[in-house]
N, C-alpha and C. Protein backbone atom coordinates (compact mmCIF):
# COMPACT_ATOMS: atom_id res chain seq x y z
N UNK A 1 -118.16 -59.83 0.64
CA UNK A 1 -119.58 -60.02 0.45
C UNK A 1 -120.15 -60.53 1.76
N UNK A 2 -121.14 -59.83 2.26
CA UNK A 2 -121.76 -60.26 3.49
C UNK A 2 -122.65 -61.48 3.29
N UNK A 3 -122.83 -62.21 4.35
CA UNK A 3 -123.65 -63.41 4.28
C UNK A 3 -125.08 -63.08 3.85
N UNK A 4 -125.60 -61.96 4.34
CA UNK A 4 -126.95 -61.55 3.96
C UNK A 4 -127.07 -61.30 2.46
N UNK A 5 -126.04 -60.67 1.88
CA UNK A 5 -126.04 -60.43 0.43
C UNK A 5 -126.00 -61.74 -0.33
N UNK A 6 -125.18 -62.66 0.13
CA UNK A 6 -125.09 -63.96 -0.54
C UNK A 6 -126.43 -64.67 -0.52
N UNK A 7 -127.10 -64.63 0.61
CA UNK A 7 -128.39 -65.29 0.75
C UNK A 7 -129.43 -64.63 -0.16
N UNK A 8 -129.46 -63.29 -0.17
CA UNK A 8 -130.42 -62.58 -1.02
C UNK A 8 -130.17 -62.87 -2.50
N UNK A 9 -128.91 -62.86 -2.91
CA UNK A 9 -128.60 -63.11 -4.31
C UNK A 9 -128.98 -64.53 -4.71
N UNK A 10 -128.68 -65.49 -3.85
CA UNK A 10 -129.02 -66.88 -4.15
C UNK A 10 -130.53 -67.06 -4.17
N UNK A 11 -131.24 -66.39 -3.26
CA UNK A 11 -132.70 -66.48 -3.23
C UNK A 11 -133.29 -65.89 -4.51
N UNK A 12 -132.73 -64.78 -4.97
CA UNK A 12 -133.22 -64.18 -6.22
C UNK A 12 -132.94 -65.11 -7.39
N UNK A 13 -131.78 -65.73 -7.40
CA UNK A 13 -131.44 -66.65 -8.48
C UNK A 13 -132.39 -67.85 -8.48
N UNK A 14 -132.62 -68.43 -7.31
CA UNK A 14 -133.51 -69.59 -7.22
C UNK A 14 -134.95 -69.21 -7.54
N UNK A 15 -135.38 -68.04 -7.10
CA UNK A 15 -136.73 -67.57 -7.42
C UNK A 15 -136.89 -67.39 -8.93
N UNK A 16 -135.84 -66.89 -9.56
CA UNK A 16 -135.86 -66.74 -11.01
C UNK A 16 -135.97 -68.07 -11.71
N UNK A 17 -135.28 -69.06 -11.18
CA UNK A 17 -135.35 -70.41 -11.77
C UNK A 17 -136.77 -70.96 -11.65
N UNK A 18 -137.39 -70.74 -10.50
CA UNK A 18 -138.77 -71.20 -10.30
C UNK A 18 -139.70 -70.50 -11.30
N UNK A 19 -139.53 -69.18 -11.45
CA UNK A 19 -140.36 -68.44 -12.41
C UNK A 19 -140.16 -68.98 -13.83
N UNK A 20 -138.89 -69.21 -14.19
CA UNK A 20 -138.60 -69.71 -15.52
C UNK A 20 -139.27 -71.05 -15.77
N UNK A 21 -139.12 -71.97 -14.83
CA UNK A 21 -139.71 -73.30 -14.98
C UNK A 21 -141.23 -73.26 -14.97
N UNK A 22 -141.81 -72.40 -14.12
CA UNK A 22 -143.26 -72.25 -14.10
C UNK A 22 -143.75 -71.69 -15.43
N UNK A 23 -143.03 -70.72 -15.96
CA UNK A 23 -143.38 -70.16 -17.26
C UNK A 23 -143.34 -71.20 -18.36
N UNK A 24 -142.32 -72.07 -18.30
CA UNK A 24 -142.24 -73.15 -19.29
C UNK A 24 -143.42 -74.10 -19.15
N UNK A 25 -143.72 -74.47 -17.91
CA UNK A 25 -144.79 -75.44 -17.66
C UNK A 25 -146.16 -74.91 -18.03
N UNK A 26 -146.37 -73.61 -17.88
CA UNK A 26 -147.68 -73.02 -18.15
C UNK A 26 -147.72 -72.32 -19.51
N UNK A 27 -146.65 -72.44 -20.25
CA UNK A 27 -146.54 -71.81 -21.57
C UNK A 27 -146.73 -70.29 -21.48
N UNK A 28 -146.14 -69.70 -20.43
CA UNK A 28 -146.21 -68.26 -20.19
C UNK A 28 -144.84 -67.67 -20.48
N UNK A 29 -144.68 -67.16 -21.70
CA UNK A 29 -143.38 -66.65 -22.14
C UNK A 29 -142.92 -65.46 -21.31
N UNK A 30 -143.85 -64.64 -20.87
CA UNK A 30 -143.51 -63.46 -20.07
C UNK A 30 -142.93 -63.88 -18.71
N UNK A 31 -143.56 -64.83 -18.06
CA UNK A 31 -143.09 -65.32 -16.77
C UNK A 31 -141.73 -66.00 -16.93
N UNK A 32 -141.58 -66.75 -17.98
CA UNK A 32 -140.31 -67.42 -18.25
C UNK A 32 -139.21 -66.38 -18.46
N UNK A 33 -139.49 -65.34 -19.22
CA UNK A 33 -138.50 -64.28 -19.47
C UNK A 33 -138.15 -63.54 -18.18
N UNK A 34 -139.15 -63.29 -17.34
CA UNK A 34 -138.89 -62.64 -16.05
C UNK A 34 -137.95 -63.50 -15.19
N UNK A 35 -138.16 -64.79 -15.23
CA UNK A 35 -137.30 -65.70 -14.47
C UNK A 35 -135.88 -65.67 -14.96
N UNK A 36 -135.69 -65.67 -16.26
CA UNK A 36 -134.34 -65.61 -16.83
C UNK A 36 -133.68 -64.29 -16.45
N UNK A 37 -134.46 -63.20 -16.50
CA UNK A 37 -133.94 -61.87 -16.13
C UNK A 37 -133.51 -61.85 -14.67
N UNK A 38 -134.34 -62.39 -13.79
CA UNK A 38 -134.02 -62.42 -12.36
C UNK A 38 -132.73 -63.19 -12.11
N UNK A 39 -132.57 -64.31 -12.79
CA UNK A 39 -131.35 -65.11 -12.62
C UNK A 39 -130.12 -64.33 -13.09
N UNK A 40 -130.25 -63.64 -14.21
CA UNK A 40 -129.12 -62.87 -14.74
C UNK A 40 -128.75 -61.74 -13.79
N UNK A 41 -129.75 -61.06 -13.24
CA UNK A 41 -129.48 -59.98 -12.28
C UNK A 41 -128.76 -60.52 -11.05
N UNK A 42 -129.21 -61.65 -10.54
CA UNK A 42 -128.60 -62.23 -9.36
C UNK A 42 -127.14 -62.62 -9.63
N UNK A 43 -126.90 -63.21 -10.80
CA UNK A 43 -125.53 -63.61 -11.14
C UNK A 43 -124.62 -62.39 -11.30
N UNK A 44 -125.17 -61.31 -11.85
CA UNK A 44 -124.40 -60.08 -12.00
C UNK A 44 -124.04 -59.51 -10.64
N UNK A 45 -124.99 -59.50 -9.73
CA UNK A 45 -124.72 -59.02 -8.37
C UNK A 45 -123.66 -59.89 -7.70
N UNK A 46 -123.78 -61.21 -7.87
CA UNK A 46 -122.81 -62.12 -7.27
C UNK A 46 -121.41 -61.87 -7.82
N UNK A 47 -121.31 -61.63 -9.13
CA UNK A 47 -120.01 -61.38 -9.74
C UNK A 47 -119.40 -60.10 -9.19
N UNK A 48 -120.22 -59.07 -9.02
CA UNK A 48 -119.72 -57.82 -8.45
C UNK A 48 -119.23 -58.00 -7.02
N UNK A 49 -119.98 -58.76 -6.24
CA UNK A 49 -119.58 -59.01 -4.86
C UNK A 49 -118.30 -59.85 -4.80
N UNK A 50 -118.16 -60.80 -5.71
CA UNK A 50 -116.93 -61.61 -5.75
C UNK A 50 -115.74 -60.73 -6.11
N UNK A 51 -115.95 -59.77 -7.00
CA UNK A 51 -114.86 -58.85 -7.37
C UNK A 51 -114.46 -58.00 -6.17
N UNK A 52 -115.44 -57.55 -5.40
CA UNK A 52 -115.13 -56.78 -4.19
C UNK A 52 -114.33 -57.64 -3.21
N UNK A 53 -114.76 -58.89 -3.03
CA UNK A 53 -114.05 -59.79 -2.12
C UNK A 53 -112.61 -60.00 -2.58
N UNK A 54 -112.43 -60.18 -3.87
CA UNK A 54 -111.09 -60.39 -4.40
C UNK A 54 -110.22 -59.17 -4.17
N UNK A 55 -110.77 -57.99 -4.36
CA UNK A 55 -110.01 -56.75 -4.13
C UNK A 55 -109.62 -56.63 -2.67
N UNK A 56 -110.54 -56.99 -1.78
CA UNK A 56 -110.23 -56.94 -0.35
C UNK A 56 -109.11 -57.92 0.00
N UNK A 57 -109.14 -59.10 -0.62
CA UNK A 57 -108.11 -60.10 -0.36
C UNK A 57 -106.74 -59.61 -0.84
N UNK A 58 -106.72 -58.93 -1.96
CA UNK A 58 -105.47 -58.42 -2.52
C UNK A 58 -104.90 -57.33 -1.63
N UNK A 59 -105.76 -56.45 -1.14
CA UNK A 59 -105.30 -55.32 -0.31
C UNK A 59 -105.16 -55.69 1.16
N UNK A 60 -105.63 -56.87 1.52
CA UNK A 60 -105.50 -57.34 2.89
C UNK A 60 -106.55 -56.77 3.83
N UNK A 61 -107.59 -56.17 3.28
CA UNK A 61 -108.66 -55.64 4.11
C UNK A 61 -109.55 -56.77 4.60
N UNK A 62 -110.29 -56.49 5.68
CA UNK A 62 -111.23 -57.49 6.21
C UNK A 62 -112.62 -56.98 6.12
């Protein structure tokens, strides 16, 4: 996983958290749901990248 990908995924996750909390604070269920969705997408991307990294480690690739 490249550093740029890690940063983008973490930024998406944190942005989703901000949306979720803003939605809660403003009683905006749609914004809150979008935030939860963004966080889930970011975590899914991170899991895929971690799997790629693990495969590279097993095969000895760099």
